[in-house]
Amino acid sequence: MNDDDYSATELGSHWFQRPEPDPAPDRREGEVLRFGPGVTAAAARRAGNTPTAVQIWHGTLPGTPPPRPPRPRRLRRYAPAALILAAVLVFLAWREYGPRAAVRDVAVTAPGSPLGCDGTADVVGVVRTDGRPGTLTYHWERSDGTRSAPLRETLARGQEEARLHLLWTFHGPGAHRAVARLVITSPATRTAEGTFTYRCG
């Protein structure tokens, strides 16, 4: 190097170090570089003898007793509600389809005084029951040979008496001793009758 080419403000490349080049990447596109011996056969055997996280989580480690089956808590929780519901259903079925009304007594009352011309007699049959619900089936028979069609009376729960009316109308002059008979056909056969007098002229 001659003095003409030397400058005090410029340093030659031999006076300083250049930065080192970047290291080569350990991964190239589509390829992974691995170092070391990998998993040895001894390490694989050791890993096979240790419990896995799944075995620990499920409680299925070798040599431990199998887990007890879960107790039927859900059934026990709903058992009281199911018993109450069953009791209510049995009560409703018994009330609806259980024993029907029983007739205890039947009586007929007729007008006490003679009936006048073209009058109508109100004959009342009184049926006493045990208070259970049900239906009475009955008909009226009259002494003039006529008979009513089958009739029905519905009894509510707690109703211990039913009043059944027969309106019997008379026309024209004459005298007649009238007999009205009440015939209960269901739930049991019972009869009762009442007598009154018609007078006209």
C-alpha atoms as a PDB file:
ATOM      1  CA  MET A   1       0.000   0.000   0.000  1.00  0.00           C
ATOM      2  CA  ASN A   2       1.498   3.407  -0.958  1.00  0.00           C
ATOM      3  CA  ASP A   3       1.048   6.606   0.952  1.00  0.00           C
ATOM      4  CA  ASP A   4      -0.973   8.222  -1.791  1.00  0.00           C
ATOM      5  CA  ASP A   5      -3.782   5.705  -1.342  1.00  0.00           C
ATOM      6  CA  TYR A   6      -3.812   5.971   2.473  1.00  0.00           C
ATOM      7  CA  SER A   7      -6.282   8.272   4.210  1.00  0.00           C
ATOM      8  CA  ALA A   8      -6.382   8.928   7.939  1.00  0.00           C
ATOM      9  CA  THR A   9     -10.205   8.955   7.927  1.00  0.00           C
ATOM     10  CA  GLU A  10     -10.589   5.679   6.199  1.00  0.00           C
ATOM     11  CA  LEU A  11      -9.705   2.389   7.744  1.00  0.00           C
ATOM     12  CA  GLY A  12      -8.880  -0.551   5.784  1.00  0.00           C
ATOM     13  CA  SER A  13     -10.847  -3.682   6.029  1.00  0.00           C
ATOM     14  CA  HIS A  14      -8.040  -5.286   7.906  1.00  0.00           C
ATOM     15  CA  TRP A  15      -8.687  -2.943  10.878  1.00  0.00           C
ATOM     16  CA  PHE A  16     -12.198  -4.151  11.753  1.00  0.00           C
ATOM     17  CA  GLN A  17     -14.171  -7.443  11.893  1.00  0.00           C
ATOM     18  CA  ARG A  18     -17.132  -8.061   9.738  1.00  0.00           C
ATOM     19  CA  PRO A  19     -20.319  -9.484  11.384  1.00  0.00           C
ATOM     20  CA  GLU A  20     -20.554 -13.222  11.328  1.00  0.00           C
ATOM     21  CA  PRO A  21     -22.979 -14.672   8.832  1.00  0.00           C
ATOM     22  CA  ASP A  22     -26.430 -15.834  10.112  1.00  0.00           C
ATOM     23  CA  PRO A  23     -26.508 -19.446  11.281  1.00  0.00           C
ATOM     24  CA  ALA A  24     -28.155 -21.913   8.971  1.00  0.00           C
ATOM     25  CA  PRO A  25     -31.768 -22.700   9.987  1.00  0.00           C
ATOM     26  CA  ASP A  26     -32.420 -26.078  11.606  1.00  0.00           C
ATOM     27  CA  ARG A  27     -35.611 -26.535   9.611  1.00  0.00           C
ATOM     28  CA  ARG A  28     -36.147 -26.417   5.949  1.00  0.00           C
ATOM     29  CA  GLU A  29     -39.520 -26.359   4.292  1.00  0.00           C
ATOM     30  CA  GLY A  30     -41.072 -29.836   4.615  1.00  0.00           C
ATOM     31  CA  GLU A  31     -38.227 -31.281   6.668  1.00  0.00           C
ATOM     32  CA  VAL A  32     -37.439 -31.458  10.411  1.00  0.00           C
ATOM     33  CA  LEU A  33     -33.935 -32.027  11.645  1.00  0.00           C
ATOM     34  CA  ARG A  34     -33.623 -34.077  14.852  1.00  0.00           C
ATOM     35  CA  PHE A  35     -30.617 -34.567  17.058  1.00  0.00           C
ATOM     36  CA  GLY A  36     -29.793 -37.208  19.621  1.00  0.00           C
ATOM     37  CA  PRO A  37     -30.442 -40.951  19.856  1.00  0.00           C
ATOM     38  CA  GLY A  38     -34.283 -40.669  20.142  1.00  0.00           C
ATOM     39  CA  VAL A  39     -36.326 -42.953  22.404  1.00  0.00           C
ATOM     40  CA  THR A  40     -34.281 -45.957  23.335  1.00  0.00           C
ATOM     41  CA  ALA A  41     -35.735 -49.431  23.904  1.00  0.00           C
ATOM     42  CA  ALA A  42     -35.047 -49.173  27.660  1.00  0.00           C
ATOM     43  CA  ALA A  43     -36.973 -45.886  27.881  1.00  0.00           C
ATOM     44  CA  ALA A  44     -39.897 -47.419  25.969  1.00  0.00           C
ATOM     45  CA  ARG A  45     -39.991 -50.378  28.423  1.00  0.00           C
ATOM     46  CA  ARG A  46     -39.988 -47.992  31.390  1.00  0.00           C
ATOM     47  CA  ALA A  47     -42.839 -45.964  29.866  1.00  0.00           C
ATOM     48  CA  GLY A  48     -44.848 -49.168  29.318  1.00  0.00           C
ATOM     49  CA  ASN A  49     -44.629 -50.055  33.017  1.00  0.00           C
ATOM     50  CA  THR A  50     -45.818 -46.667  34.316  1.00  0.00           C
ATOM     51  CA  PRO A  51     -49.524 -45.754  34.551  1.00  0.00           C
ATOM     52  CA  THR A  52     -50.884 -43.457  31.929  1.00  0.00           C
ATOM     53  CA  ALA A  53     -52.946 -40.381  32.638  1.00  0.00           C
ATOM     54  CA  VAL A  54     -56.028 -42.125  31.210  1.00  0.00           C
ATOM     55  CA  GLN A  55     -55.639 -45.074  33.608  1.00  0.00           C
ATOM     56  CA  ILE A  56     -55.227 -42.742  36.563  1.00  0.00           C
ATOM     57  CA  TRP A  57     -58.220 -40.615  35.515  1.00  0.00           C
ATOM     58  CA  HIS A  58     -60.554 -43.602  35.054  1.00  0.00           C
ATOM     59  CA  GLY A  59     -59.247 -45.457  38.085  1.00  0.00           C
ATOM     60  CA  THR A  60     -58.226 -48.516  36.071  1.00  0.00           C
ATOM     61  CA  LEU A  61     -54.673 -48.937  37.288  1.00  0.00           C
ATOM     62  CA  PRO A  62     -53.484 -52.539  37.170  1.00  0.00           C
ATOM     63  CA  GLY A  63     -53.763 -54.272  40.531  1.00  0.00           C
ATOM     64  CA  THR A  64     -56.504 -52.005  41.902  1.00  0.00           C
ATOM     65  CA  PRO A  65     -60.061 -53.275  42.495  1.00  0.00           C
ATOM     66  CA  PRO A  66     -62.642 -52.235  39.903  1.00  0.00           C
ATOM     67  CA  PRO A  67     -64.621 -49.134  40.832  1.00  0.00           C
ATOM     68  CA  ARG A  68     -68.007 -49.646  42.501  1.00  0.00           C
ATOM     69  CA  PRO A  69     -70.996 -49.032  40.282  1.00  0.00           C
ATOM     70  CA  PRO A  70     -72.632 -45.678  40.984  1.00  0.00           C
ATOM     71  CA  ARG A  71     -75.492 -45.772  43.467  1.00  0.00           C
ATOM     72  CA  PRO A  72     -78.943 -45.129  42.037  1.00  0.00           C
ATOM     73  CA  ARG A  73     -79.257 -41.689  43.578  1.00  0.00           C
ATOM     74  CA  ARG A  74     -81.579 -40.483  40.865  1.00  0.00           C
ATOM     75  CA  LEU A  75     -84.166 -43.160  41.656  1.00  0.00           C
ATOM     76  CA  ARG A  76     -83.903 -42.436  45.355  1.00  0.00           C
ATOM     77  CA  ARG A  77     -84.396 -38.738  44.718  1.00  0.00           C
ATOM     78  CA  TYR A  78     -87.658 -39.227  42.784  1.00  0.00           C
ATOM     79  CA  ALA A  79     -89.089 -42.068  44.889  1.00  0.00           C
ATOM     80  CA  PRO A  80     -91.111 -39.854  47.309  1.00  0.00           C
ATOM     81  CA  ALA A  81     -92.685 -37.902  44.456  1.00  0.00           C
ATOM     82  CA  ALA A  82     -93.569 -41.135  42.651  1.00  0.00           C
ATOM     83  CA  LEU A  83     -95.177 -42.563  45.808  1.00  0.00           C
ATOM     84  CA  ILE A  84     -97.266 -39.427  46.340  1.00  0.00           C
ATOM     85  CA  LEU A  85     -98.384 -39.450  42.703  1.00  0.00           C
ATOM     86  CA  ALA A  86     -99.335 -43.129  42.923  1.00  0.00           C
ATOM     87  CA  ALA A  87    -101.342 -42.501  46.114  1.00  0.00           C
ATOM     88  CA  VAL A  88    -103.235 -39.625  44.487  1.00  0.00           C
ATOM     89  CA  LEU A  89    -104.014 -41.733  41.411  1.00  0.00           C
ATOM     90  CA  VAL A  90    -105.267 -44.623  43.571  1.00  0.00           C
ATOM     91  CA  PHE A  91    -107.485 -42.252  45.557  1.00  0.00           C
ATOM     92  CA  LEU A  92    -108.950 -40.698  42.399  1.00  0.00           C
ATOM     93  CA  ALA A  93    -109.569 -44.125  40.862  1.00  0.00           C
ATOM     94  CA  TRP A  94    -111.242 -45.354  44.048  1.00  0.00           C
ATOM     95  CA  ARG A  95    -113.414 -42.250  44.164  1.00  0.00           C
ATOM     96  CA  GLU A  96    -114.403 -42.617  40.514  1.00  0.00           C
ATOM     97  CA  TYR A  97    -114.693 -46.397  40.199  1.00  0.00           C
ATOM     98  CA  GLY A  98    -114.999 -47.468  43.833  1.00  0.00           C
ATOM     99  CA  PRO A  99    -118.166 -48.413  45.718  1.00  0.00           C
ATOM    100  CA  ARG A 100    -121.305 -46.737  44.435  1.00  0.00           C
ATOM    101  CA  ALA A 101    -124.122 -45.099  46.349  1.00  0.00           C
ATOM    102  CA  ALA A 102    -126.197 -47.398  48.524  1.00  0.00           C
ATOM    103  CA  VAL A 103    -129.898 -46.721  49.150  1.00  0.00           C
ATOM    104  CA  ARG A 104    -130.774 -46.714  52.853  1.00  0.00           C
ATOM    105  CA  ASP A 105    -134.410 -45.670  52.843  1.00  0.00           C
ATOM    106  CA  VAL A 106    -137.212 -44.725  50.427  1.00  0.00           C
ATOM    107  CA  ALA A 107    -140.410 -42.868  51.351  1.00  0.00           C
ATOM    108  CA  VAL A 108    -143.216 -41.208  49.352  1.00  0.00           C
ATOM    109  CA  THR A 109    -145.267 -38.253  50.561  1.00  0.00           C
ATOM    110  CA  ALA A 110    -148.558 -37.258  48.885  1.00  0.00           C
ATOM    111  CA  PRO A 111    -150.960 -34.346  49.488  1.00  0.00           C
ATOM    112  CA  GLY A 112    -152.710 -34.755  52.825  1.00  0.00           C
ATOM    113  CA  SER A 113    -155.943 -33.028  51.840  1.00  0.00           C
ATOM    114  CA  PRO A 114    -158.196 -34.066  48.935  1.00  0.00           C
ATOM    115  CA  LEU A 115    -157.276 -32.678  45.536  1.00  0.00           C
ATOM    116  CA  GLY A 116    -159.923 -30.394  43.945  1.00  0.00           C
ATOM    117  CA  CYS A 117    -161.257 -30.146  40.377  1.00  0.00           C
ATOM    118  CA  ASP A 118    -158.619 -30.142  37.610  1.00  0.00           C
ATOM    119  CA  GLY A 119    -155.888 -30.141  40.223  1.00  0.00           C
ATOM    120  CA  THR A 120    -152.292 -31.366  40.049  1.00  0.00           C
ATOM    121  CA  ALA A 121    -150.822 -33.414  42.868  1.00  0.00           C
ATOM    122  CA  ASP A 122    -147.121 -33.081  43.668  1.00  0.00           C
ATOM    123  CA  VAL A 123    -146.029 -36.502  44.911  1.00  0.00           C
ATOM    124  CA  VAL A 124    -142.493 -36.510  46.333  1.00  0.00           C
ATOM    125  CA  GLY A 125    -140.263 -39.531  46.727  1.00  0.00           C
ATOM    126  CA  VAL A 126    -137.459 -39.104  49.260  1.00  0.00           C
ATOM    127  CA  VAL A 127    -134.475 -41.426  48.805  1.00  0.00           C
ATOM    128  CA  ARG A 128    -131.807 -41.495  51.515  1.00  0.00           C
ATOM    129  CA  THR A 129    -128.322 -42.780  50.623  1.00  0.00           C
ATOM    130  CA  ASP A 130    -124.918 -43.223  52.264  1.00  0.00           C
ATOM    131  CA  GLY A 131    -123.465 -40.089  50.629  1.00  0.00           C
ATOM    132  CA  ARG A 132    -121.381 -41.799  47.954  1.00  0.00           C
ATOM    133  CA  PRO A 133    -121.629 -40.593  44.362  1.00  0.00           C
ATOM    134  CA  GLY A 134    -123.672 -42.553  41.887  1.00  0.00           C
ATOM    135  CA  THR A 135    -126.842 -42.664  39.830  1.00  0.00           C
ATOM    136  CA  LEU A 136    -130.338 -43.702  40.859  1.00  0.00           C
ATOM    137  CA  THR A 137    -132.499 -45.342  38.221  1.00  0.00           C
ATOM    138  CA  TYR A 138    -136.221 -45.327  38.950  1.00  0.00           C
ATOM    139  CA  HIS A 139    -139.746 -45.022  37.553  1.00  0.00           C
ATOM    140  CA  TRP A 140    -143.213 -44.090  38.825  1.00  0.00           C
ATOM    141  CA  GLU A 141    -146.259 -46.370  38.665  1.00  0.00           C
ATOM    142  CA  ARG A 142    -149.742 -44.863  38.983  1.00  0.00           C
ATOM    143  CA  SER A 143    -152.939 -46.564  40.090  1.00  0.00           C
ATOM    144  CA  ASP A 144    -154.671 -45.614  36.821  1.00  0.00           C
ATOM    145  CA  GLY A 145    -152.426 -48.179  35.079  1.00  0.00           C
ATOM    146  CA  THR A 146    -149.872 -45.742  33.633  1.00  0.00           C
ATOM    147  CA  ARG A 147    -146.158 -45.830  34.199  1.00  0.00           C
ATOM    148  CA  SER A 148    -143.362 -43.327  33.585  1.00  0.00           C
ATOM    149  CA  ALA A 149    -140.330 -43.979  31.433  1.00  0.00           C
ATOM    150  CA  PRO A 150    -137.114 -44.978  33.233  1.00  0.00           C
ATOM    151  CA  LEU A 151    -135.645 -41.897  34.910  1.00  0.00           C
ATOM    152  CA  ARG A 152    -132.196 -41.131  36.354  1.00  0.00           C
ATOM    153  CA  GLU A 153    -131.019 -38.996  39.242  1.00  0.00           C
ATOM    154  CA  THR A 154    -127.302 -38.250  39.663  1.00  0.00           C
ATOM    155  CA  LEU A 155    -126.001 -38.159  43.222  1.00  0.00           C
ATOM    156  CA  ALA A 156    -122.984 -36.040  44.125  1.00  0.00           C
ATOM    157  CA  ARG A 157    -120.436 -37.012  46.751  1.00  0.00           C
ATOM    158  CA  GLY A 158    -121.783 -36.183  50.191  1.00  0.00           C
ATOM    159  CA  GLN A 159    -125.399 -35.961  48.994  1.00  0.00           C
ATOM    160  CA  GLU A 160    -127.396 -38.148  51.380  1.00  0.00           C
ATOM    161  CA  GLU A 161    -130.881 -37.364  50.127  1.00  0.00           C
ATOM    162  CA  ALA A 162    -132.567 -37.124  46.732  1.00  0.00           C
ATOM    163  CA  ARG A 163    -136.080 -35.740  46.212  1.00  0.00           C
ATOM    164  CA  LEU A 164    -137.910 -37.203  43.210  1.00  0.00           C
ATOM    165  CA  HIS A 165    -141.126 -35.468  42.073  1.00  0.00           C
ATOM    166  CA  LEU A 166    -144.196 -36.823  40.269  1.00  0.00           C
ATOM    167  CA  LEU A 167    -146.744 -34.279  39.041  1.00  0.00           C
ATOM    168  CA  TRP A 168    -150.120 -36.025  38.549  1.00  0.00           C
ATOM    169  CA  THR A 169    -152.941 -33.972  37.023  1.00  0.00           C
ATOM    170  CA  PHE A 170    -156.673 -34.845  37.180  1.00  0.00           C
ATOM    171  CA  HIS A 171    -159.587 -33.485  35.056  1.00  0.00           C
ATOM    172  CA  GLY A 172    -163.370 -33.655  35.278  1.00  0.00           C
ATOM    173  CA  PRO A 173    -165.905 -34.516  37.965  1.00  0.00           C
ATOM    174  CA  GLY A 174    -165.657 -37.554  40.170  1.00  0.00           C
ATOM    175  CA  ALA A 175    -163.810 -39.049  43.106  1.00  0.00           C
ATOM    176  CA  HIS A 176    -160.699 -41.172  42.893  1.00  0.00           C
ATOM    177  CA  ARG A 177    -158.359 -42.691  45.436  1.00  0.00           C
ATOM    178  CA  ALA A 178    -154.947 -42.366  43.791  1.00  0.00           C
ATOM    179  CA  VAL A 179    -151.871 -44.423  44.603  1.00  0.00           C
ATOM    180  CA  ALA A 180    -148.410 -43.416  43.347  1.00  0.00           C
ATOM    181  CA  ARG A 181    -145.619 -45.975  43.685  1.00  0.00           C
ATOM    182  CA  LEU A 182    -141.926 -45.133  43.395  1.00  0.00           C
ATOM    183  CA  VAL A 183    -139.793 -48.038  42.174  1.00  0.00           C
ATOM    184  CA  ILE A 184    -135.995 -47.748  42.517  1.00  0.00           C
ATOM    185  CA  THR A 185    -134.308 -50.220  40.152  1.00  0.00           C
ATOM    186  CA  SER A 186    -130.635 -49.274  40.631  1.00  0.00           C
ATOM    187  CA  PRO A 187    -128.334 -49.472  42.565  1.00  0.00           C
ATOM    188  CA  ALA A 188    -130.767 -51.677  44.528  1.00  0.00           C
ATOM    189  CA  THR A 189    -134.443 -52.475  44.129  1.00  0.00           C
ATOM    190  CA  ARG A 190    -136.654 -50.555  46.580  1.00  0.00           C
ATOM    191  CA  THR A 191    -140.299 -49.434  46.452  1.00  0.00           C
ATOM    192  CA  ALA A 192    -142.486 -47.014  48.366  1.00  0.00           C
ATOM    193  CA  GLU A 193    -145.935 -45.566  47.709  1.00  0.00           C
ATOM    194  CA  GLY A 194    -148.151 -42.661  48.688  1.00  0.00           C
ATOM    195  CA  THR A 195    -151.939 -42.241  48.600  1.00  0.00           C
ATOM    196  CA  PHE A 196    -154.194 -39.213  48.139  1.00  0.00           C
ATOM    197  CA  THR A 197    -157.808 -38.479  47.085  1.00  0.00           C
ATOM    198  CA  TYR A 198    -159.224 -36.537  44.130  1.00  0.00           C
ATOM    199  CA  ARG A 199    -162.725 -35.093  44.478  1.00  0.00           C
ATOM    200  CA  CYS A 200    -164.610 -32.913  42.050  1.00  0.00           C
ATOM    201  CA  GLY A 201    -168.398 -32.164  41.901  1.00  0.00           C
END
